[in-house]
């Protein structure tokens, strides 16, 4: 978010043409968490509590820009149900 804010402050950036794109982050997070938990198995509850803050469903009500999202129905790392809560929590979603 800070990087986006910084970009939008630049005079040479047209804020109407800013696009943010990404792919499934679940694989990267899952790998990092698996490695961490292998070394700290006693921290499982704390890890899952911390990860809950990074779930997009917790930020869906802040979405104000036009958003295009697609969901891969066959993604075994981040299955579609992981995004449904974000979609349902977005204030401007089409019904």
PDB file of N, CA and C in Angstrom:
ATOM      1  N   UNK A   1       0.825  -1.188   0.000  1.00  0.00           N
ATOM      2  CA  UNK A   1       0.000   0.000   0.000  1.00  0.00           C
ATOM      3  C   UNK A   1       0.867   1.248   0.000  1.00  0.00           C
ATOM      4  N   UNK A   2       1.945   1.204   0.753  1.00  0.00           N
ATOM      5  CA  UNK A   2       2.837   2.369   0.807  1.00  0.00           C
ATOM      6  C   UNK A   2       3.450   2.644  -0.556  1.00  0.00           C
ATOM      7  N   UNK A   3       3.826   1.601  -1.284  1.00  0.00           N
ATOM      8  CA  UNK A   3       4.408   1.776  -2.617  1.00  0.00           C
ATOM      9  C   UNK A   3       3.384   2.412  -3.563  1.00  0.00           C
ATOM     10  N   UNK A   4       2.142   2.015  -3.444  1.00  0.00           N
ATOM     11  CA  UNK A   4       1.089   2.595  -4.292  1.00  0.00           C
ATOM     12  C   UNK A   4       0.903   4.063  -3.939  1.00  0.00           C
ATOM     13  N   UNK A   5       0.839   4.361  -2.648  1.00  0.00           N
ATOM     14  CA  UNK A   5       0.700   5.749  -2.214  1.00  0.00           C
ATOM     15  C   UNK A   5       1.846   6.596  -2.755  1.00  0.00           C
ATOM     16  N   UNK A   6       3.062   6.088  -2.666  1.00  0.00           N
ATOM     17  CA  UNK A   6       4.229   6.810  -3.161  1.00  0.00           C
ATOM     18  C   UNK A   6       4.135   7.034  -4.666  1.00  0.00           C
ATOM     19  N   UNK A   7       3.743   6.016  -5.399  1.00  0.00           N
ATOM     20  CA  UNK A   7       3.608   6.159  -6.854  1.00  0.00           C
ATOM     21  C   UNK A   7       2.574   7.225  -7.205  1.00  0.00           C
ATOM     22  N   UNK A   8       1.460   7.240  -6.506  1.00  0.00           N
ATOM     23  CA  UNK A   8       0.397   8.194  -6.805  1.00  0.00           C
ATOM     24  C   UNK A   8       0.774   9.628  -6.464  1.00  0.00           C
ATOM     25  N   UNK A   9       1.784   9.819  -5.632  1.00  0.00           N
ATOM     26  CA  UNK A   9       2.254  11.162  -5.292  1.00  0.00           C
ATOM     27  C   UNK A   9       3.163  11.757  -6.366  1.00  0.00           C
ATOM     28  N   UNK A  10       3.623  10.940  -7.292  1.00  0.00           N
ATOM     29  CA  UNK A  10       4.542  11.413  -8.326  1.00  0.00           C
ATOM     30  C   UNK A  10       3.767  12.183  -9.394  1.00  0.00           C
ATOM     31  N   UNK A  11       4.281  13.356  -9.772  1.00  0.00           N
ATOM     32  CA  UNK A  11       3.582  14.210 -10.739  1.00  0.00           C
ATOM     33  C   UNK A  11       3.475  13.571 -12.124  1.00  0.00           C
ATOM     34  N   UNK A  12       4.394  12.702 -12.461  1.00  0.00           N
ATOM     35  CA  UNK A  12       4.409  12.087 -13.782  1.00  0.00           C
ATOM     36  C   UNK A  12       3.568  10.818 -13.869  1.00  0.00           C
ATOM     37  N   UNK A  13       2.916  10.444 -12.765  1.00  0.00           N
ATOM     38  CA  UNK A  13       2.044   9.259 -12.743  1.00  0.00           C
ATOM     39  C   UNK A  13       0.596   9.712 -12.922  1.00  0.00           C
ATOM     40  N   UNK A  14      -0.088   9.111 -13.879  1.00  0.00           N
ATOM     41  CA  UNK A  14      -1.510   9.374 -14.076  1.00  0.00           C
ATOM     42  C   UNK A  14      -2.284   8.416 -13.172  1.00  0.00           C
ATOM     43  N   UNK A  15      -2.903   8.912 -12.110  1.00  0.00           N
ATOM     44  CA  UNK A  15      -3.587   8.025 -11.153  1.00  0.00           C
ATOM     45  C   UNK A  15      -4.748   7.252 -11.760  1.00  0.00           C
ATOM     46  N   UNK A  16      -5.244   7.693 -12.908  1.00  0.00           N
ATOM     47  CA  UNK A  16      -6.329   6.988 -13.576  1.00  0.00           C
ATOM     48  C   UNK A  16      -5.827   5.776 -14.365  1.00  0.00           C
ATOM     49  N   UNK A  17      -4.498   5.635 -14.453  1.00  0.00           N
ATOM     50  CA  UNK A  17      -3.946   4.546 -15.254  1.00  0.00           C
ATOM     51  C   UNK A  17      -3.052   3.618 -14.440  1.00  0.00           C
ATOM     52  N   UNK A  18      -3.158   3.659 -13.149  1.00  0.00           N
ATOM     53  CA  UNK A  18      -2.364   2.782 -12.290  1.00  0.00           C
ATOM     54  C   UNK A  18      -3.026   1.413 -12.236  1.00  0.00           C
ATOM     55  N   UNK A  19      -2.237   0.395 -12.473  1.00  0.00           N
ATOM     56  CA  UNK A  19      -2.740  -0.978 -12.442  1.00  0.00           C
ATOM     57  C   UNK A  19      -1.872  -1.774 -11.485  1.00  0.00           C
ATOM     58  N   UNK A  20      -2.500  -2.573 -10.687  1.00  0.00           N
ATOM     59  CA  UNK A  20      -1.783  -3.459  -9.782  1.00  0.00           C
ATOM     60  C   UNK A  20      -2.159  -4.874 -10.180  1.00  0.00           C
ATOM     61  N   UNK A  21      -1.161  -5.696 -10.400  1.00  0.00           N
ATOM     62  CA  UNK A  21      -1.416  -7.065 -10.831  1.00  0.00           C
ATOM     63  C   UNK A  21      -0.640  -8.023  -9.938  1.00  0.00           C
ATOM     64  N   UNK A  22      -1.137  -9.203  -9.822  1.00  0.00           N
ATOM     65  CA  UNK A  22      -0.443 -10.191  -9.014  1.00  0.00           C
ATOM     66  C   UNK A  22      -0.930 -11.579  -9.342  1.00  0.00           C
ATOM     67  N   UNK A  23      -0.275 -12.516  -8.747  1.00  0.00           N
ATOM     68  CA  UNK A  23      -0.639 -13.927  -8.905  1.00  0.00           C
ATOM     69  C   UNK A  23      -0.806 -14.543  -7.528  1.00  0.00           C
ATOM     70  N   UNK A  24      -1.099 -15.783  -7.531  1.00  0.00           N
ATOM     71  CA  UNK A  24      -1.318 -16.508  -6.288  1.00  0.00           C
ATOM     72  C   UNK A  24      -0.131 -16.353  -5.349  1.00  0.00           C
ATOM     73  N   UNK A  25      -0.408 -15.829  -4.189  1.00  0.00           N
ATOM     74  CA  UNK A  25       0.658 -15.679  -3.198  1.00  0.00           C
ATOM     75  C   UNK A  25       0.684 -16.836  -2.210  1.00  0.00           C
ATOM     76  N   UNK A  26      -0.287 -17.665  -2.291  1.00  0.00           N
ATOM     77  CA  UNK A  26      -0.405 -18.766  -1.334  1.00  0.00           C
ATOM     78  C   UNK A  26       0.785 -19.697  -1.314  1.00  0.00           C
ATOM     79  N   UNK A  27       1.328 -19.987  -2.480  1.00  0.00           N
ATOM     80  CA  UNK A  27       2.474 -20.895  -2.544  1.00  0.00           C
ATOM     81  C   UNK A  27       3.674 -20.350  -1.800  1.00  0.00           C
ATOM     82  N   UNK A  28       3.962 -19.077  -1.989  1.00  0.00           N
ATOM     83  CA  UNK A  28       5.094 -18.459  -1.304  1.00  0.00           C
ATOM     84  C   UNK A  28       4.889 -18.398   0.200  1.00  0.00           C
ATOM     85  N   UNK A  29       3.707 -18.014   0.609  1.00  0.00           N
ATOM     86  CA  UNK A  29       3.420 -17.947   2.045  1.00  0.00           C
ATOM     87  C   UNK A  29       3.452 -19.338   2.656  1.00  0.00           C
ATOM     88  N   UNK A  30       2.856 -20.293   1.962  1.00  0.00           N
ATOM     89  CA  UNK A  30       2.831 -21.663   2.483  1.00  0.00           C
ATOM     90  C   UNK A  30       4.241 -22.205   2.666  1.00  0.00           C
ATOM     91  N   UNK A  31       5.124 -21.937   1.717  1.00  0.00           N
ATOM     92  CA  UNK A  31       6.502 -22.410   1.842  1.00  0.00           C
ATOM     93  C   UNK A  31       7.201 -21.775   3.028  1.00  0.00           C
ATOM     94  N   UNK A  32       7.035 -20.465   3.171  1.00  0.00           N
ATOM     95  CA  UNK A  32       7.683 -19.764   4.280  1.00  0.00           C
ATOM     96  C   UNK A  32       7.151 -20.261   5.621  1.00  0.00           C
ATOM     97  N   UNK A  33       5.831 -20.428   5.704  1.00  0.00           N
ATOM     98  CA  UNK A  33       5.223 -20.890   6.953  1.00  0.00           C
ATOM     99  C   UNK A  33       5.674 -22.310   7.272  1.00  0.00           C
ATOM    100  N   UNK A  34       5.699 -23.191   6.252  1.00  0.00           N
ATOM    101  CA  UNK A  34       6.116 -24.579   6.494  1.00  0.00           C
ATOM    102  C   UNK A  34       7.534 -24.635   7.034  1.00  0.00           C
ATOM    103  N   UNK A  35       8.427 -23.816   6.424  1.00  0.00           N
ATOM    104  CA  UNK A  35       9.815 -23.784   6.899  1.00  0.00           C
ATOM    105  C   UNK A  35       9.897 -23.287   8.336  1.00  0.00           C
ATOM    106  N   UNK A  36       9.158 -22.215   8.632  1.00  0.00           N
ATOM    107  CA  UNK A  36       9.180 -21.641   9.971  1.00  0.00           C
ATOM    108  C   UNK A  36       8.632 -22.640  10.997  1.00  0.00           C
ATOM    109  N   UNK A  37       7.510 -23.262  10.678  1.00  0.00           N
ATOM    110  CA  UNK A  37       6.888 -24.187  11.625  1.00  0.00           C
ATOM    111  C   UNK A  37       7.710 -25.453  11.830  1.00  0.00           C
ATOM    112  N   UNK A  38       8.501 -25.816  10.849  1.00  0.00           N
ATOM    113  CA  UNK A  38       9.385 -26.959  11.016  1.00  0.00           C
ATOM    114  C   UNK A  38      10.390 -26.676  12.138  1.00  0.00           C
ATOM    115  N   UNK A  39      10.829 -25.419  12.230  1.00  0.00           N
ATOM    116  CA  UNK A  39      11.795 -25.033  13.268  1.00  0.00           C
ATOM    117  C   UNK A  39      11.120 -24.612  14.574  1.00  0.00           C
ATOM    118  N   UNK A  40       9.857 -24.165  14.478  1.00  0.00           N
ATOM    119  CA  UNK A  40       9.138 -23.662  15.658  1.00  0.00           C
ATOM    120  C   UNK A  40       7.729 -24.262  15.739  1.00  0.00           C
ATOM    121  N   UNK A  41       7.607 -25.568  15.921  1.00  0.00           N
ATOM    122  CA  UNK A  41       6.283 -26.197  15.917  1.00  0.00           C
ATOM    123  C   UNK A  41       5.374 -25.711  17.047  1.00  0.00           C
ATOM    124  N   UNK A  42       5.937 -25.154  18.076  1.00  0.00           N
ATOM    125  CA  UNK A  42       5.143 -24.648  19.195  1.00  0.00           C
ATOM    126  C   UNK A  42       4.445 -23.318  18.877  1.00  0.00           C
ATOM    127  N   UNK A  43       4.722 -22.735  17.721  1.00  0.00           N
ATOM    128  CA  UNK A  43       4.183 -21.421  17.362  1.00  0.00           C
ATOM    129  C   UNK A  43       3.008 -21.474  16.384  1.00  0.00           C
ATOM    130  N   UNK A  44       2.426 -22.651  16.196  1.00  0.00           N
ATOM    131  CA  UNK A  44       1.391 -22.796  15.165  1.00  0.00           C
ATOM    132  C   UNK A  44       0.208 -21.847  15.361  1.00  0.00           C
ATOM    133  N   UNK A  45      -0.275 -21.694  16.576  1.00  0.00           N
ATOM    134  CA  UNK A  45      -1.417 -20.803  16.809  1.00  0.00           C
ATOM    135  C   UNK A  45      -1.058 -19.352  16.485  1.00  0.00           C
ATOM    136  N   UNK A  46       0.115 -18.941  16.898  1.00  0.00           N
ATOM    137  CA  UNK A  46       0.562 -17.567  16.632  1.00  0.00           C
ATOM    138  C   UNK A  46       0.739 -17.322  15.134  1.00  0.00           C
ATOM    139  N   UNK A  47       1.261 -18.309  14.420  1.00  0.00           N
ATOM    140  CA  UNK A  47       1.451 -18.186  12.970  1.00  0.00           C
ATOM    141  C   UNK A  47       0.112 -17.984  12.274  1.00  0.00           C
ATOM    142  N   UNK A  48      -0.869 -18.804  12.599  1.00  0.00           N
ATOM    143  CA  UNK A  48      -2.161 -18.672  11.933  1.00  0.00           C
ATOM    144  C   UNK A  48      -2.877 -17.387  12.324  1.00  0.00           C
ATOM    145  N   UNK A  49      -2.700 -16.931  13.539  1.00  0.00           N
ATOM    146  CA  UNK A  49      -3.279 -15.642  13.934  1.00  0.00           C
ATOM    147  C   UNK A  49      -2.643 -14.516  13.110  1.00  0.00           C
ATOM    148  N   UNK A  50      -1.325 -14.535  12.989  1.00  0.00           N
ATOM    149  CA  UNK A  50      -0.615 -13.515  12.213  1.00  0.00           C
ATOM    150  C   UNK A  50      -1.028 -13.560  10.750  1.00  0.00           C
ATOM    151  N   UNK A  51      -1.119 -14.742  10.165  1.00  0.00           N
ATOM    152  CA  UNK A  51      -1.506 -14.867   8.757  1.00  0.00           C
ATOM    153  C   UNK A  51      -2.902 -14.327   8.486  1.00  0.00           C
ATOM    154  N   UNK A  52      -3.768 -14.380   9.474  1.00  0.00           N
ATOM    155  CA  UNK A  52      -5.129 -13.890   9.268  1.00  0.00           C
ATOM    156  C   UNK A  52      -5.141 -12.397   8.941  1.00  0.00           C
ATOM    157  N   UNK A  53      -4.118 -11.659   9.379  1.00  0.00           N
ATOM    158  CA  UNK A  53      -4.046 -10.233   9.087  1.00  0.00           C
ATOM    159  C   UNK A  53      -3.698  -9.965   7.623  1.00  0.00           C
ATOM    160  N   UNK A  54      -3.160 -10.952   6.921  1.00  0.00           N
ATOM    161  CA  UNK A  54      -2.767 -10.788   5.532  1.00  0.00           C
ATOM    162  C   UNK A  54      -3.832 -11.285   4.567  1.00  0.00           C
ATOM    163  N   UNK A  55      -4.935 -11.762   5.081  1.00  0.00           N
ATOM    164  CA  UNK A  55      -6.004 -12.265   4.228  1.00  0.00           C
ATOM    165  C   UNK A  55      -6.730 -11.075   3.604  1.00  0.00           C
ATOM    166  N   UNK A  56      -6.925 -11.114   2.300  1.00  0.00           N
ATOM    167  CA  UNK A  56      -7.561  -9.993   1.623  1.00  0.00           C
ATOM    168  C   UNK A  56      -8.989  -9.742   2.096  1.00  0.00           C
ATOM    169  N   UNK A  57      -9.631 -10.742   2.672  1.00  0.00           N
ATOM    170  CA  UNK A  57     -10.994 -10.516   3.160  1.00  0.00           C
ATOM    171  C   UNK A  57     -11.007  -9.468   4.272  1.00  0.00           C
ATOM    172  N   UNK A  58      -9.898  -9.311   4.984  1.00  0.00           N
ATOM    173  CA  UNK A  58      -9.825  -8.327   6.062  1.00  0.00           C
ATOM    174  C   UNK A  58      -9.668  -6.906   5.539  1.00  0.00           C
ATOM    175  N   UNK A  59      -9.387  -6.750   4.260  1.00  0.00           N
ATOM    176  CA  UNK A  59      -9.208  -5.428   3.673  1.00  0.00           C
ATOM    177  C   UNK A  59     -10.241  -5.130   2.594  1.00  0.00           C
ATOM    178  N   UNK A  60     -11.156  -6.042   2.346  1.00  0.00           N
ATOM    179  CA  UNK A  60     -12.122  -5.899   1.248  1.00  0.00           C
ATOM    180  C   UNK A  60     -12.969  -4.649   1.382  1.00  0.00           C
ATOM    181  N   UNK A  61     -13.315  -4.265   2.580  1.00  0.00           N
ATOM    182  CA  UNK A  61     -14.175  -3.097   2.761  1.00  0.00           C
ATOM    183  C   UNK A  61     -13.453  -1.788   2.437  1.00  0.00           C
ATOM    184  N   UNK A  62     -12.148  -1.851   2.191  1.00  0.00           N
ATOM    185  CA  UNK A  62     -11.373  -0.656   1.839  1.00  0.00           C
ATOM    186  C   UNK A  62     -11.195  -0.495   0.325  1.00  0.00           C
ATOM    187  N   UNK A  63     -11.668  -1.436  -0.439  1.00  0.00           N
ATOM    188  CA  UNK A  63     -11.504  -1.372  -1.888  1.00  0.00           C
ATOM    189  C   UNK A  63     -12.387  -0.258  -2.426  1.00  0.00           C
ATOM    190  N   UNK A  64     -11.754   0.728  -3.075  1.00  0.00           N
ATOM    191  CA  UNK A  64     -12.511   1.840  -3.639  1.00  0.00           C
ATOM    192  C   UNK A  64     -12.308   1.957  -5.150  1.00  0.00           C
ATOM    193  N   UNK A  65     -11.274   1.336  -5.665  1.00  0.00           N
ATOM    194  CA  UNK A  65     -10.980   1.424  -7.097  1.00  0.00           C
ATOM    195  C   UNK A  65     -11.676   0.312  -7.852  1.00  0.00           C
ATOM    196  N   UNK A  66     -11.855   0.548  -9.136  1.00  0.00           N
ATOM    197  CA  UNK A  66     -12.374  -0.503  -9.997  1.00  0.00           C
ATOM    198  C   UNK A  66     -11.419  -1.686  -9.915  1.00  0.00           C
ATOM    199  N   UNK A  67     -11.944  -2.847  -9.684  1.00  0.00           N
ATOM    200  CA  UNK A  67     -11.116  -4.029  -9.474  1.00  0.00           C
ATOM    201  C   UNK A  67     -11.582  -5.154 -10.384  1.00  0.00           C
ATOM    202  N   UNK A  68     -10.622  -5.763 -11.039  1.00  0.00           N
ATOM    203  CA  UNK A  68     -10.910  -6.948 -11.842  1.00  0.00           C
ATOM    204  C   UNK A  68     -10.167  -8.099 -11.183  1.00  0.00           C
ATOM    205  N   UNK A  69     -10.880  -9.111 -10.812  1.00  0.00           N
ATOM    206  CA  UNK A  69     -10.250 -10.259 -10.158  1.00  0.00           C
ATOM    207  C   UNK A  69     -10.694 -11.525 -10.865  1.00  0.00           C
ATOM    208  N   UNK A  70      -9.787 -12.443 -10.985  1.00  0.00           N
ATOM    209  CA  UNK A  70     -10.147 -13.742 -11.535  1.00  0.00           C
ATOM    210  C   UNK A  70      -9.703 -14.804 -10.542  1.00  0.00           C
ATOM    211  N   UNK A  71     -10.380 -15.900 -10.580  1.00  0.00           N
ATOM    212  CA  UNK A  71     -10.092 -16.978  -9.645  1.00  0.00           C
ATOM    213  C   UNK A  71      -9.878 -18.253 -10.452  1.00  0.00           C
ATOM    214  N   UNK A  72      -8.762 -18.902 -10.193  1.00  0.00           N
ATOM    215  CA  UNK A  72      -8.477 -20.167 -10.867  1.00  0.00           C
ATOM    216  C   UNK A  72      -9.202 -21.290 -10.130  1.00  0.00           C
ATOM    217  N   UNK A  73     -10.150 -21.869 -10.786  1.00  0.00           N
ATOM    218  CA  UNK A  73     -10.964 -22.885 -10.125  1.00  0.00           C
ATOM    219  C   UNK A  73     -10.206 -24.171  -9.840  1.00  0.00           C
ATOM    220  N   UNK A  74      -9.053 -24.339 -10.463  1.00  0.00           N
ATOM    221  CA  UNK A  74      -8.281 -25.560 -10.276  1.00  0.00           C
ATOM    222  C   UNK A  74      -6.956 -25.286  -9.551  1.00  0.00           C
ATOM    223  N   UNK A  75      -6.887 -24.173  -8.805  1.00  0.00           N
ATOM    224  CA  UNK A  75      -5.669 -23.805  -8.075  1.00  0.00           C
ATOM    225  C   UNK A  75      -5.640 -24.578  -6.766  1.00  0.00           C
ATOM    226  N   UNK A  76      -4.708 -25.520  -6.632  1.00  0.00           N
ATOM    227  CA  UNK A  76      -4.648 -26.341  -5.419  1.00  0.00           C
ATOM    228  C   UNK A  76      -3.942 -25.627  -4.271  1.00  0.00           C
ATOM    229  N   UNK A  77      -3.194 -24.557  -4.580  1.00  0.00           N
ATOM    230  CA  UNK A  77      -2.508 -23.810  -3.531  1.00  0.00           C
ATOM    231  C   UNK A  77      -3.442 -22.776  -2.907  1.00  0.00           C
ATOM    232  N   UNK A  78      -4.130 -22.023  -3.740  1.00  0.00           N
ATOM    233  CA  UNK A  78      -5.108 -21.027  -3.285  1.00  0.00           C
ATOM    234  C   UNK A  78      -6.444 -21.330  -3.950  1.00  0.00           C
ATOM    235  N   UNK A  79      -7.222 -22.241  -3.393  1.00  0.00           N
ATOM    236  CA  UNK A  79      -8.491 -22.613  -4.015  1.00  0.00           C
ATOM    237  C   UNK A  79      -9.457 -21.424  -4.052  1.00  0.00           C
ATOM    238  N   UNK A  80     -10.447 -21.469  -4.942  1.00  0.00           N
ATOM    239  CA  UNK A  80     -11.349 -20.329  -5.132  1.00  0.00           C
ATOM    240  C   UNK A  80     -12.068 -19.884  -3.865  1.00  0.00           C
ATOM    241  N   UNK A  81     -12.375 -20.802  -2.990  1.00  0.00           N
ATOM    242  CA  UNK A  81     -13.089 -20.395  -1.771  1.00  0.00           C
ATOM    243  C   UNK A  81     -12.274 -19.440  -0.898  1.00  0.00           C
ATOM    244  N   UNK A  82     -10.967 -19.379  -1.135  1.00  0.00           N
ATOM    245  CA  UNK A  82     -10.129 -18.437  -0.390  1.00  0.00           C
ATOM    246  C   UNK A  82     -10.423 -16.996  -0.784  1.00  0.00           C
ATOM    247  N   UNK A  83     -10.944 -16.770  -1.990  1.00  0.00           N
ATOM    248  CA  UNK A  83     -11.212 -15.415  -2.445  1.00  0.00           C
ATOM    249  C   UNK A  83     -12.674 -15.018  -2.263  1.00  0.00           C
ATOM    250  N   UNK A  84     -13.550 -15.962  -2.052  1.00  0.00           N
ATOM    251  CA  UNK A  84     -14.969 -15.654  -1.951  1.00  0.00           C
ATOM    252  C   UNK A  84     -15.270 -14.646  -0.845  1.00  0.00           C
ATOM    253  N   UNK A  85     -14.616 -14.754   0.290  1.00  0.00           N
ATOM    254  CA  UNK A  85     -14.878 -13.822   1.388  1.00  0.00           C
ATOM    255  C   UNK A  85     -14.468 -12.404   1.016  1.00  0.00           C
ATOM    256  N   UNK A  86     -13.393 -12.263   0.251  1.00  0.00           N
ATOM    257  CA  UNK A  86     -12.980 -10.940  -0.215  1.00  0.00           C
ATOM    258  C   UNK A  86     -14.039 -10.368  -1.143  1.00  0.00           C
ATOM    259  N   UNK A  87     -14.487 -11.182  -2.076  1.00  0.00           N
ATOM    260  CA  UNK A  87     -15.516 -10.741  -3.021  1.00  0.00           C
ATOM    261  C   UNK A  87     -16.789 -10.324  -2.291  1.00  0.00           C
ATOM    262  N   UNK A  88     -17.220 -11.130  -1.364  1.00  0.00           N
ATOM    263  CA  UNK A  88     -18.459 -10.830  -0.638  1.00  0.00           C
ATOM    264  C   UNK A  88     -18.330  -9.599   0.251  1.00  0.00           C
ATOM    265  N   UNK A  89     -17.108  -9.289   0.698  1.00  0.00           N
ATOM    266  CA  UNK A  89     -16.902  -8.144   1.589  1.00  0.00           C
ATOM    267  C   UNK A  89     -16.615  -6.841   0.885  1.00  0.00           C
ATOM    268  N   UNK A  90     -16.474  -6.886  -0.453  1.00  0.00           N
ATOM    269  CA  UNK A  90     -16.168  -5.688  -1.225  1.00  0.00           C
ATOM    270  C   UNK A  90     -17.422  -4.836  -1.380  1.00  0.00           C
ATOM    271  N   UNK A  91     -17.373  -3.564  -0.967  1.00  0.00           N
ATOM    272  CA  UNK A  91     -18.574  -2.729  -0.976  1.00  0.00           C
ATOM    273  C   UNK A  91     -19.106  -2.407  -2.367  1.00  0.00           C
ATOM    274  N   UNK A  92     -18.260  -2.408  -3.374  1.00  0.00           N
ATOM    275  CA  UNK A  92     -18.711  -2.016  -4.705  1.00  0.00           C
ATOM    276  C   UNK A  92     -18.944  -3.164  -5.647  1.00  0.00           C
ATOM    277  N   UNK A  93     -19.010  -4.371  -5.138  1.00  0.00           N
ATOM    278  CA  UNK A  93     -19.126  -5.518  -6.024  1.00  0.00           C
ATOM    279  C   UNK A  93     -20.443  -5.498  -6.790  1.00  0.00           C
ATOM    280  N   UNK A  94     -20.381  -6.045  -7.986  1.00  0.00           N
ATOM    281  CA  UNK A  94     -21.601  -6.167  -8.785  1.00  0.00           C
ATOM    282  C   UNK A  94     -22.417  -7.325  -8.240  1.00  0.00           C
ATOM    283  N   UNK A  95     -23.673  -7.171  -8.271  1.00  0.00           N
ATOM    284  CA  UNK A  95     -24.534  -8.233  -7.739  1.00  0.00           C
ATOM    285  C   UNK A  95     -25.290  -8.908  -8.842  1.00  0.00           C
TER     286      UNK A  95
END
